[in-house]
Amino acid sequence: MEDKITQEKLKKYFKITEEAYEKAVKTKIADKVSNLESYRVDFLDMIKRYISDAKHFKSKDDLVNAFAALNYAHGWLDAGARLGLWDVHDNRLFTVD
């Protein structure tokens, strides 16, 4: 088992988290929760901040905290998808379907 976070691994997680974030931003709220727009905005703000934090940590060569911040960002993305805050049907990027 690999016990180090490599630049390649971090690059992979940046790519998938940012791709999921962009997809969430571009979608509408799932019909079943159309009254939750303020939560959608809050979630997207938190995700954007965690991605920004990850970039900051990476620029400082702090790969462990960059990786952790990406995981938090993706946790928020998955939670939003599960709640229906974005209407996505992509089990590669989100824990849905």
PDB file of N, CA and C in Angstrom:
ATOM      1  N   MET A   1       0.850  -1.185   0.000  1.00  0.00           N
ATOM      2  CA  MET A   1       0.000   0.000   0.000  1.00  0.00           C
ATOM      3  C   MET A   1       0.890   1.241   0.000  1.00  0.00           C
ATOM      4  N   GLU A   2       0.553   2.147  -0.850  1.00  0.00           N
ATOM      5  CA  GLU A   2       1.337   3.377  -0.960  1.00  0.00           C
ATOM      6  C   GLU A   2       0.997   4.305   0.207  1.00  0.00           C
ATOM      7  N   ASP A   3       2.023   4.797   0.894  1.00  0.00           N
ATOM      8  CA  ASP A   3       1.787   5.656   2.050  1.00  0.00           C
ATOM      9  C   ASP A   3       2.193   7.098   1.787  1.00  0.00           C
ATOM     10  N   LYS A   4       2.370   7.440   0.509  1.00  0.00           N
ATOM     11  CA  LYS A   4       2.746   8.797   0.146  1.00  0.00           C
ATOM     12  C   LYS A   4       1.753   9.357  -0.860  1.00  0.00           C
ATOM     13  N   ILE A   5       1.575  10.643  -0.784  1.00  0.00           N
ATOM     14  CA  ILE A   5       0.735  11.322  -1.763  1.00  0.00           C
ATOM     15  C   ILE A   5       1.677  11.918  -2.796  1.00  0.00           C
ATOM     16  N   THR A   6       1.583  11.418  -4.000  1.00  0.00           N
ATOM     17  CA  THR A   6       2.463  11.867  -5.072  1.00  0.00           C
ATOM     18  C   THR A   6       1.827  13.027  -5.833  1.00  0.00           C
ATOM     19  N   GLN A   7       2.634  13.719  -6.599  1.00  0.00           N
ATOM     20  CA  GLN A   7       2.120  14.783  -7.468  1.00  0.00           C
ATOM     21  C   GLN A   7       1.082  14.221  -8.440  1.00  0.00           C
ATOM     22  N   GLU A   8       1.320  13.026  -8.933  1.00  0.00           N
ATOM     23  CA  GLU A   8       0.398  12.401  -9.888  1.00  0.00           C
ATOM     24  C   GLU A   8      -0.951  12.101  -9.250  1.00  0.00           C
ATOM     25  N   LYS A   9      -0.901  11.566  -8.020  1.00  0.00           N
ATOM     26  CA  LYS A   9      -2.158  11.265  -7.318  1.00  0.00           C
ATOM     27  C   LYS A   9      -2.932  12.550  -7.038  1.00  0.00           C
ATOM     28  N   LEU A  10      -2.220  13.569  -6.591  1.00  0.00           N
ATOM     29  CA  LEU A  10      -2.865  14.846  -6.305  1.00  0.00           C
ATOM     30  C   LEU A  10      -3.460  15.441  -7.579  1.00  0.00           C
ATOM     31  N   LYS A  11      -2.736  15.356  -8.681  1.00  0.00           N
ATOM     32  CA  LYS A  11      -3.235  15.864  -9.965  1.00  0.00           C
ATOM     33  C   LYS A  11      -4.528  15.153 -10.355  1.00  0.00           C
ATOM     34  N   LYS A  12      -4.559  13.841 -10.166  1.00  0.00           N
ATOM     35  CA  LYS A  12      -5.753  13.056 -10.483  1.00  0.00           C
ATOM     36  C   LYS A  12      -6.956  13.536  -9.668  1.00  0.00           C
ATOM     37  N   TYR A  13      -6.751  13.762  -8.365  1.00  0.00           N
ATOM     38  CA  TYR A  13      -7.859  14.169  -7.511  1.00  0.00           C
ATOM     39  C   TYR A  13      -8.285  15.610  -7.748  1.00  0.00           C
ATOM     40  N   PHE A  14      -7.339  16.470  -8.095  1.00  0.00           N
ATOM     41  CA  PHE A  14      -7.713  17.823  -8.513  1.00  0.00           C
ATOM     42  C   PHE A  14      -8.615  17.753  -9.733  1.00  0.00           C
ATOM     43  N   LYS A  15      -8.220  16.954 -10.718  1.00  0.00           N
ATOM     44  CA  LYS A  15      -8.973  16.865 -11.968  1.00  0.00           C
ATOM     45  C   LYS A  15     -10.399  16.387 -11.726  1.00  0.00           C
ATOM     46  N   ILE A  16     -10.554  15.319 -10.982  1.00  0.00           N
ATOM     47  CA  ILE A  16     -11.895  14.766 -10.788  1.00  0.00           C
ATOM     48  C   ILE A  16     -12.760  15.668  -9.904  1.00  0.00           C
ATOM     49  N   THR A  17     -12.163  16.275  -8.867  1.00  0.00           N
ATOM     50  CA  THR A  17     -12.938  17.157  -7.989  1.00  0.00           C
ATOM     51  C   THR A  17     -13.349  18.417  -8.722  1.00  0.00           C
ATOM     52  N   GLU A  18     -12.450  19.000  -9.483  1.00  0.00           N
ATOM     53  CA  GLU A  18     -12.796  20.216 -10.229  1.00  0.00           C
ATOM     54  C   GLU A  18     -13.810  19.913 -11.325  1.00  0.00           C
ATOM     55  N   GLU A  19     -13.707  18.753 -11.967  1.00  0.00           N
ATOM     56  CA  GLU A  19     -14.683  18.368 -12.980  1.00  0.00           C
ATOM     57  C   GLU A  19     -16.070  18.192 -12.360  1.00  0.00           C
ATOM     58  N   ALA A  20     -16.136  17.556 -11.201  1.00  0.00           N
ATOM     59  CA  ALA A  20     -17.414  17.391 -10.513  1.00  0.00           C
ATOM     60  C   ALA A  20     -17.982  18.736 -10.087  1.00  0.00           C
ATOM     61  N   TYR A  21     -17.115  19.624  -9.598  1.00  0.00           N
ATOM     62  CA  TYR A  21     -17.561  20.960  -9.185  1.00  0.00           C
ATOM     63  C   TYR A  21     -18.149  21.717 -10.373  1.00  0.00           C
ATOM     64  N   GLU A  22     -17.459  21.715 -11.504  1.00  0.00           N
ATOM     65  CA  GLU A  22     -17.959  22.414 -12.696  1.00  0.00           C
ATOM     66  C   GLU A  22     -19.297  21.843 -13.149  1.00  0.00           C
ATOM     67  N   LYS A  23     -19.444  20.549 -13.065  1.00  0.00           N
ATOM     68  CA  LYS A  23     -20.711  19.930 -13.452  1.00  0.00           C
ATOM     69  C   LYS A  23     -21.822  20.347 -12.494  1.00  0.00           C
ATOM     70  N   ALA A  24     -21.532  20.378 -11.202  1.00  0.00           N
ATOM     71  CA  ALA A  24     -22.534  20.791 -10.212  1.00  0.00           C
ATOM     72  C   ALA A  24     -22.946  22.239 -10.429  1.00  0.00           C
ATOM     73  N   VAL A  25     -21.986  23.109 -10.706  1.00  0.00           N
ATOM     74  CA  VAL A  25     -22.280  24.529 -10.919  1.00  0.00           C
ATOM     75  C   VAL A  25     -23.225  24.715 -12.096  1.00  0.00           C
ATOM     76  N   LYS A  26     -23.048  23.930 -13.129  1.00  0.00           N
ATOM     77  CA  LYS A  26     -23.808  24.100 -14.375  1.00  0.00           C
ATOM     78  C   LYS A  26     -25.191  23.467 -14.348  1.00  0.00           C
ATOM     79  N   THR A  27     -25.498  22.691 -13.319  1.00  0.00           N
ATOM     80  CA  THR A  27     -26.791  22.012 -13.305  1.00  0.00           C
ATOM     81  C   THR A  27     -27.805  22.790 -12.480  1.00  0.00           C
ATOM     82  N   LYS A  28     -29.020  22.417 -12.669  1.00  0.00           N
ATOM     83  CA  LYS A  28     -30.099  22.999 -11.869  1.00  0.00           C
ATOM     84  C   LYS A  28     -30.329  22.106 -10.661  1.00  0.00           C
ATOM     85  N   ILE A  29     -31.111  22.599  -9.747  1.00  0.00           N
ATOM     86  CA  ILE A  29     -31.492  21.783  -8.595  1.00  0.00           C
ATOM     87  C   ILE A  29     -32.435  20.687  -9.071  1.00  0.00           C
ATOM     88  N   ALA A  30     -32.259  19.524  -8.541  1.00  0.00           N
ATOM     89  CA  ALA A  30     -33.173  18.431  -8.864  1.00  0.00           C
ATOM     90  C   ALA A  30     -34.590  18.858  -8.497  1.00  0.00           C
ATOM     91  N   ASP A  31     -35.558  18.464  -9.300  1.00  0.00           N
ATOM     92  CA  ASP A  31     -36.948  18.880  -9.101  1.00  0.00           C
ATOM     93  C   ASP A  31     -37.461  18.624  -7.689  1.00  0.00           C
ATOM     94  N   LYS A  32     -37.002  17.558  -7.065  1.00  0.00           N
ATOM     95  CA  LYS A  32     -37.530  17.191  -5.755  1.00  0.00           C
ATOM     96  C   LYS A  32     -37.128  18.155  -4.637  1.00  0.00           C
ATOM     97  N   VAL A  33     -36.161  19.049  -4.873  1.00  0.00           N
ATOM     98  CA  VAL A  33     -35.711  19.959  -3.818  1.00  0.00           C
ATOM     99  C   VAL A  33     -35.597  21.407  -4.300  1.00  0.00           C
ATOM    100  N   SER A  34     -36.496  21.824  -5.153  1.00  0.00           N
ATOM    101  CA  SER A  34     -36.392  23.148  -5.767  1.00  0.00           C
ATOM    102  C   SER A  34     -36.446  24.297  -4.761  1.00  0.00           C
ATOM    103  N   ASN A  35     -36.826  24.059  -3.524  1.00  0.00           N
ATOM    104  CA  ASN A  35     -36.884  25.114  -2.512  1.00  0.00           C
ATOM    105  C   ASN A  35     -35.563  25.261  -1.750  1.00  0.00           C
ATOM    106  N   LEU A  36     -34.511  24.613  -2.191  1.00  0.00           N
ATOM    107  CA  LEU A  36     -33.252  24.605  -1.454  1.00  0.00           C
ATOM    108  C   LEU A  36     -32.131  25.384  -2.153  1.00  0.00           C
ATOM    109  N   GLU A  37     -32.485  26.403  -2.916  1.00  0.00           N
ATOM    110  CA  GLU A  37     -31.476  27.161  -3.657  1.00  0.00           C
ATOM    111  C   GLU A  37     -30.410  27.762  -2.748  1.00  0.00           C
ATOM    112  N   SER A  38     -30.786  28.263  -1.580  1.00  0.00           N
ATOM    113  CA  SER A  38     -29.782  28.874  -0.703  1.00  0.00           C
ATOM    114  C   SER A  38     -28.770  27.833  -0.213  1.00  0.00           C
ATOM    115  N   TYR A  39     -29.209  26.598   0.016  1.00  0.00           N
ATOM    116  CA  TYR A  39     -28.285  25.542   0.403  1.00  0.00           C
ATOM    117  C   TYR A  39     -27.329  25.206  -0.743  1.00  0.00           C
ATOM    118  N   ARG A  40     -27.856  25.196  -1.956  1.00  0.00           N
ATOM    119  CA  ARG A  40     -27.027  24.928  -3.131  1.00  0.00           C
ATOM    120  C   ARG A  40     -25.908  25.958  -3.217  1.00  0.00           C
ATOM    121  N   VAL A  41     -26.251  27.218  -3.066  1.00  0.00           N
ATOM    122  CA  VAL A  41     -25.262  28.302  -3.126  1.00  0.00           C
ATOM    123  C   VAL A  41     -24.217  28.117  -2.025  1.00  0.00           C
ATOM    124  N   ASP A  42     -24.664  27.823  -0.806  1.00  0.00           N
ATOM    125  CA  ASP A  42     -23.734  27.605   0.315  1.00  0.00           C
ATOM    126  C   ASP A  42     -22.796  26.425   0.049  1.00  0.00           C
ATOM    127  N   PHE A  43     -23.335  25.324  -0.436  1.00  0.00           N
ATOM    128  CA  PHE A  43     -22.506  24.164  -0.724  1.00  0.00           C
ATOM    129  C   PHE A  43     -21.453  24.508  -1.773  1.00  0.00           C
ATOM    130  N   LEU A  44     -21.871  25.156  -2.864  1.00  0.00           N
ATOM    131  CA  LEU A  44     -20.923  25.494  -3.923  1.00  0.00           C
ATOM    132  C   LEU A  44     -19.835  26.434  -3.414  1.00  0.00           C
ATOM    133  N   ASP A  45     -20.178  27.338  -2.523  1.00  0.00           N
ATOM    134  CA  ASP A  45     -19.180  28.238  -1.939  1.00  0.00           C
ATOM    135  C   ASP A  45     -18.153  27.443  -1.125  1.00  0.00           C
ATOM    136  N   MET A  46     -18.619  26.518  -0.303  1.00  0.00           N
ATOM    137  CA  MET A  46     -17.700  25.704   0.503  1.00  0.00           C
ATOM    138  C   MET A  46     -16.788  24.854  -0.385  1.00  0.00           C
ATOM    139  N   ILE A  47     -17.348  24.295  -1.430  1.00  0.00           N
ATOM    140  CA  ILE A  47     -16.559  23.465  -2.341  1.00  0.00           C
ATOM    141  C   ILE A  47     -15.477  24.306  -3.005  1.00  0.00           C
ATOM    142  N   LYS A  48     -15.861  25.468  -3.478  1.00  0.00           N
ATOM    143  CA  LYS A  48     -14.903  26.366  -4.133  1.00  0.00           C
ATOM    144  C   LYS A  48     -13.779  26.746  -3.173  1.00  0.00           C
ATOM    145  N   ARG A  49     -14.114  27.007  -1.919  1.00  0.00           N
ATOM    146  CA  ARG A  49     -13.104  27.378  -0.924  1.00  0.00           C
ATOM    147  C   ARG A  49     -12.143  26.222  -0.631  1.00  0.00           C
ATOM    148  N   TYR A  50     -12.675  25.006  -0.530  1.00  0.00           N
ATOM    149  CA  TYR A  50     -11.800  23.863  -0.280  1.00  0.00           C
ATOM    150  C   TYR A  50     -10.878  23.599  -1.474  1.00  0.00           C
ATOM    151  N   ILE A  51     -11.369  23.763  -2.690  1.00  0.00           N
ATOM    152  CA  ILE A  51     -10.510  23.611  -3.859  1.00  0.00           C
ATOM    153  C   ILE A  51      -9.424  24.686  -3.845  1.00  0.00           C
ATOM    154  N   SER A  52      -9.796  25.889  -3.487  1.00  0.00           N
ATOM    155  CA  SER A  52      -8.815  26.974  -3.375  1.00  0.00           C
ATOM    156  C   SER A  52      -7.770  26.663  -2.310  1.00  0.00           C
ATOM    157  N   ASP A  53      -8.222  26.158  -1.170  1.00  0.00           N
ATOM    158  CA  ASP A  53      -7.284  25.753  -0.110  1.00  0.00           C
ATOM    159  C   ASP A  53      -6.324  24.682  -0.625  1.00  0.00           C
ATOM    160  N   ALA A  54      -6.853  23.723  -1.356  1.00  0.00           N
ATOM    161  CA  ALA A  54      -6.017  22.648  -1.888  1.00  0.00           C
ATOM    162  C   ALA A  54      -4.940  23.213  -2.811  1.00  0.00           C
ATOM    163  N   LYS A  55      -5.308  24.163  -3.645  1.00  0.00           N
ATOM    164  CA  LYS A  55      -4.332  24.791  -4.537  1.00  0.00           C
ATOM    165  C   LYS A  55      -3.272  25.543  -3.741  1.00  0.00           C
ATOM    166  N   HIS A  56      -3.695  26.215  -2.682  1.00  0.00           N
ATOM    167  CA  HIS A  56      -2.746  26.931  -1.826  1.00  0.00           C
ATOM    168  C   HIS A  56      -1.752  25.954  -1.196  1.00  0.00           C
ATOM    169  N   PHE A  57      -2.259  24.877  -0.609  1.00  0.00           N
ATOM    170  CA  PHE A  57      -1.376  23.886   0.010  1.00  0.00           C
ATOM    171  C   PHE A  57      -0.430  23.273  -1.020  1.00  0.00           C
ATOM    172  N   LYS A  58      -0.943  22.983  -2.210  1.00  0.00           N
ATOM    173  CA  LYS A  58      -0.097  22.410  -3.257  1.00  0.00           C
ATOM    174  C   LYS A  58       1.024  23.377  -3.619  1.00  0.00           C
ATOM    175  N   SER A  59       0.710  24.669  -3.710  1.00  0.00           N
ATOM    176  CA  SER A  59       1.732  25.656  -4.066  1.00  0.00           C
ATOM    177  C   SER A  59       2.844  25.723  -3.017  1.00  0.00           C
ATOM    178  N   LYS A  60       2.534  25.289  -1.797  1.00  0.00           N
ATOM    179  CA  LYS A  60       3.507  25.246  -0.706  1.00  0.00           C
ATOM    180  C   LYS A  60       4.148  23.857  -0.579  1.00  0.00           C
ATOM    181  N   ASP A  61       3.877  22.986  -1.553  1.00  0.00           N
ATOM    182  CA  ASP A  61       4.353  21.595  -1.533  1.00  0.00           C
ATOM    183  C   ASP A  61       3.859  20.826  -0.317  1.00  0.00           C
ATOM    184  N   ASP A  62       2.715  21.216   0.212  1.00  0.00           N
ATOM    185  CA  ASP A  62       2.083  20.506   1.332  1.00  0.00           C
ATOM    186  C   ASP A  62       1.024  19.580   0.733  1.00  0.00           C
ATOM    187  N   LEU A  63       1.481  18.464   0.199  1.00  0.00           N
ATOM    188  CA  LEU A  63       0.591  17.568  -0.537  1.00  0.00           C
ATOM    189  C   LEU A  63      -0.429  16.883   0.351  1.00  0.00           C
ATOM    190  N   VAL A  64      -0.087  16.611   1.584  1.00  0.00           N
ATOM    191  CA  VAL A  64      -1.024  15.939   2.482  1.00  0.00           C
ATOM    192  C   VAL A  64      -2.250  16.826   2.731  1.00  0.00           C
ATOM    193  N   ASN A  65      -2.026  18.095   3.069  1.00  0.00           N
ATOM    194  CA  ASN A  65      -3.159  18.986   3.308  1.00  0.00           C
ATOM    195  C   ASN A  65      -3.893  19.334   2.021  1.00  0.00           C
ATOM    196  N   ALA A  66      -3.181  19.391   0.895  1.00  0.00           N
ATOM    197  CA  ALA A  66      -3.854  19.608  -0.390  1.00  0.00           C
ATOM    198  C   ALA A  66      -4.806  18.449  -0.672  1.00  0.00           C
ATOM    199  N   PHE A  67      -4.319  17.245  -0.447  1.00  0.00           N
ATOM    200  CA  PHE A  67      -5.136  16.053  -0.664  1.00  0.00           C
ATOM    201  C   PHE A  67      -6.342  16.041   0.277  1.00  0.00           C
ATOM    202  N   ALA A  68      -6.113  16.400   1.523  1.00  0.00           N
ATOM    203  CA  ALA A  68      -7.213  16.445   2.503  1.00  0.00           C
ATOM    204  C   ALA A  68      -8.269  17.461   2.078  1.00  0.00           C
ATOM    205  N   ALA A  69      -7.840  18.644   1.648  1.00  0.00           N
ATOM    206  CA  ALA A  69      -8.795  19.682   1.231  1.00  0.00           C
ATOM    207  C   ALA A  69      -9.608  19.215   0.023  1.00  0.00           C
ATOM    208  N   LEU A  70      -8.965  18.529  -0.907  1.00  0.00           N
ATOM    209  CA  LEU A  70      -9.705  17.989  -2.056  1.00  0.00           C
ATOM    210  C   LEU A  70     -10.737  16.965  -1.613  1.00  0.00           C
ATOM    211  N   ASN A  71     -10.381  16.163  -0.641  1.00  0.00           N
ATOM    212  CA  ASN A  71     -11.345  15.174  -0.145  1.00  0.00           C
ATOM    213  C   ASN A  71     -12.533  15.838   0.540  1.00  0.00           C
ATOM    214  N   TYR A  72     -12.294  16.910   1.271  1.00  0.00           N
ATOM    215  CA  TYR A  72     -13.403  17.656   1.851  1.00  0.00           C
ATOM    216  C   TYR A  72     -14.280  18.244   0.743  1.00  0.00           C
ATOM    217  N   ALA A  73     -13.650  18.832  -0.265  1.00  0.00           N
ATOM    218  CA  ALA A  73     -14.416  19.400  -1.386  1.00  0.00           C
ATOM    219  C   ALA A  73     -15.288  18.340  -2.021  1.00  0.00           C
ATOM    220  N   HIS A  74     -14.702  17.182  -2.249  1.00  0.00           N
ATOM    221  CA  HIS A  74     -15.477  16.143  -2.914  1.00  0.00           C
ATOM    222  C   HIS A  74     -16.562  15.573  -1.994  1.00  0.00           C
ATOM    223  N   GLY A  75     -16.319  15.576  -0.704  1.00  0.00           N
ATOM    224  CA  GLY A  75     -17.372  15.174   0.239  1.00  0.00           C
ATOM    225  C   GLY A  75     -18.582  16.086   0.135  1.00  0.00           C
ATOM    226  N   TRP A  76     -18.326  17.385   0.048  1.00  0.00           N
ATOM    227  CA  TRP A  76     -19.426  18.346  -0.133  1.00  0.00           C
ATOM    228  C   TRP A  76     -20.124  18.124  -1.475  1.00  0.00           C
ATOM    229  N   LEU A  77     -19.347  17.853  -2.525  1.00  0.00           N
ATOM    230  CA  LEU A  77     -19.955  17.572  -3.830  1.00  0.00           C
ATOM    231  C   LEU A  77     -20.869  16.358  -3.759  1.00  0.00           C
ATOM    232  N   ASP A  78     -20.387  15.294  -3.140  1.00  0.00           N
ATOM    233  CA  ASP A  78     -21.200  14.087  -3.023  1.00  0.00           C
ATOM    234  C   ASP A  78     -22.440  14.324  -2.162  1.00  0.00           C
ATOM    235  N   ALA A  79     -22.279  15.053  -1.071  1.00  0.00           N
ATOM    236  CA  ALA A  79     -23.430  15.340  -0.206  1.00  0.00           C
ATOM    237  C   ALA A  79     -24.483  16.138  -0.975  1.00  0.00           C
ATOM    238  N   GLY A  80     -24.043  17.123  -1.723  1.00  0.00           N
ATOM    239  CA  GLY A  80     -24.981  17.922  -2.519  1.00  0.00           C
ATOM    240  C   GLY A  80     -25.693  17.088  -3.562  1.00  0.00           C
ATOM    241  N   ALA A  81     -24.957  16.178  -4.177  1.00  0.00           N
ATOM    242  CA  ALA A  81     -25.567  15.299  -5.172  1.00  0.00           C
ATOM    243  C   ALA A  81     -26.599  14.390  -4.515  1.00  0.00           C
ATOM    244  N   ARG A  82     -26.262  13.842  -3.367  1.00  0.00           N
ATOM    245  CA  ARG A  82     -27.196  12.944  -2.668  1.00  0.00           C
ATOM    246  C   ARG A  82     -28.459  13.678  -2.220  1.00  0.00           C
ATOM    247  N   LEU A  83     -28.292  14.961  -1.846  1.00  0.00           N
ATOM    248  CA  LEU A  83     -29.446  15.765  -1.437  1.00  0.00           C
ATOM    249  C   LEU A  83     -30.263  16.255  -2.630  1.00  0.00           C
ATOM    250  N   GLY A  84     -29.688  16.169  -3.815  1.00  0.00           N
ATOM    251  CA  GLY A  84     -30.372  16.655  -5.014  1.00  0.00           C
ATOM    252  C   GLY A  84     -30.142  18.129  -5.272  1.00  0.00           C
ATOM    253  N   LEU A  85     -29.090  18.711  -4.688  1.00  0.00           N
ATOM    254  CA  LEU A  85     -28.822  20.127  -4.925  1.00  0.00           C
ATOM    255  C   LEU A  85     -28.313  20.374  -6.337  1.00  0.00           C
ATOM    256  N   TRP A  86     -27.794  19.360  -6.985  1.00  0.00           N
ATOM    257  CA  TRP A  86     -27.491  19.413  -8.412  1.00  0.00           C
ATOM    258  C   TRP A  86     -27.979  18.122  -9.025  1.00  0.00           C
ATOM    259  N   ASP A  87     -28.557  18.258 -10.187  1.00  0.00           N
ATOM    260  CA  ASP A  87     -29.183  17.133 -10.864  1.00  0.00           C
ATOM    261  C   ASP A  87     -28.139  16.443 -11.732  1.00  0.00           C
ATOM    262  N   VAL A  88     -27.376  15.562 -11.113  1.00  0.00           N
ATOM    263  CA  VAL A  88     -26.305  14.862 -11.819  1.00  0.00           C
ATOM    264  C   VAL A  88     -26.556  13.368 -11.757  1.00  0.00           C
ATOM    265  N   HIS A  89     -26.193  12.713 -12.809  1.00  0.00           N
ATOM    266  CA  HIS A  89     -26.331  11.257 -12.886  1.00  0.00           C
ATOM    267  C   HIS A  89     -25.018  10.718 -13.444  1.00  0.00           C
ATOM    268  N   ASP A  90     -24.004  10.795 -12.622  1.00  0.00           N
ATOM    269  CA  ASP A  90     -22.656  10.434 -13.049  1.00  0.00           C
ATOM    270  C   ASP A  90     -21.956   9.759 -11.875  1.00  0.00           C
ATOM    271  N   ASN A  91     -22.001   8.442 -11.828  1.00  0.00           N
ATOM    272  CA  ASN A  91     -21.426   7.740 -10.695  1.00  0.00           C
ATOM    273  C   ASN A  91     -19.899   7.647 -10.746  1.00  0.00           C
ATOM    274  N   ARG A  92     -19.285   8.241 -11.778  1.00  0.00           N
ATOM    275  CA  ARG A  92     -17.832   8.354 -11.801  1.00  0.00           C
ATOM    276  C   ARG A  92     -17.388   9.563 -10.983  1.00  0.00           C
ATOM    277  N   LEU A  93     -18.183  10.637 -11.023  1.00  0.00           N
ATOM    278  CA  LEU A  93     -17.830  11.873 -10.325  1.00  0.00           C
ATOM    279  C   LEU A  93     -18.529  12.028  -8.974  1.00  0.00           C
ATOM    280  N   PHE A  94     -19.660  11.384  -8.810  1.00  0.00           N
ATOM    281  CA  PHE A  94     -20.475  11.558  -7.606  1.00  0.00           C
ATOM    282  C   PHE A  94     -20.944  10.197  -7.083  1.00  0.00           C
ATOM    283  N   THR A  95     -21.294  10.151  -5.796  1.00  0.00           N
ATOM    284  CA  THR A  95     -21.854   8.909  -5.240  1.00  0.00           C
ATOM    285  C   THR A  95     -23.369   8.950  -5.384  1.00  0.00           C
ATOM    286  N   VAL A  96     -23.819   8.811  -6.613  1.00  0.00           N
ATOM    287  CA  VAL A  96     -25.251   8.808  -6.941  1.00  0.00           C
ATOM    288  C   VAL A  96     -25.547   7.643  -7.854  1.00  0.00           C
ATOM    289  N   ASP A  97     -26.808   7.413  -8.072  1.00  0.00           N
ATOM    290  CA  ASP A  97     -27.342   6.392  -8.989  1.00  0.00           C
ATOM    291  C   ASP A  97     -27.024   5.035  -8.567  1.00  0.00           C
TER     292      ASP A  97
END
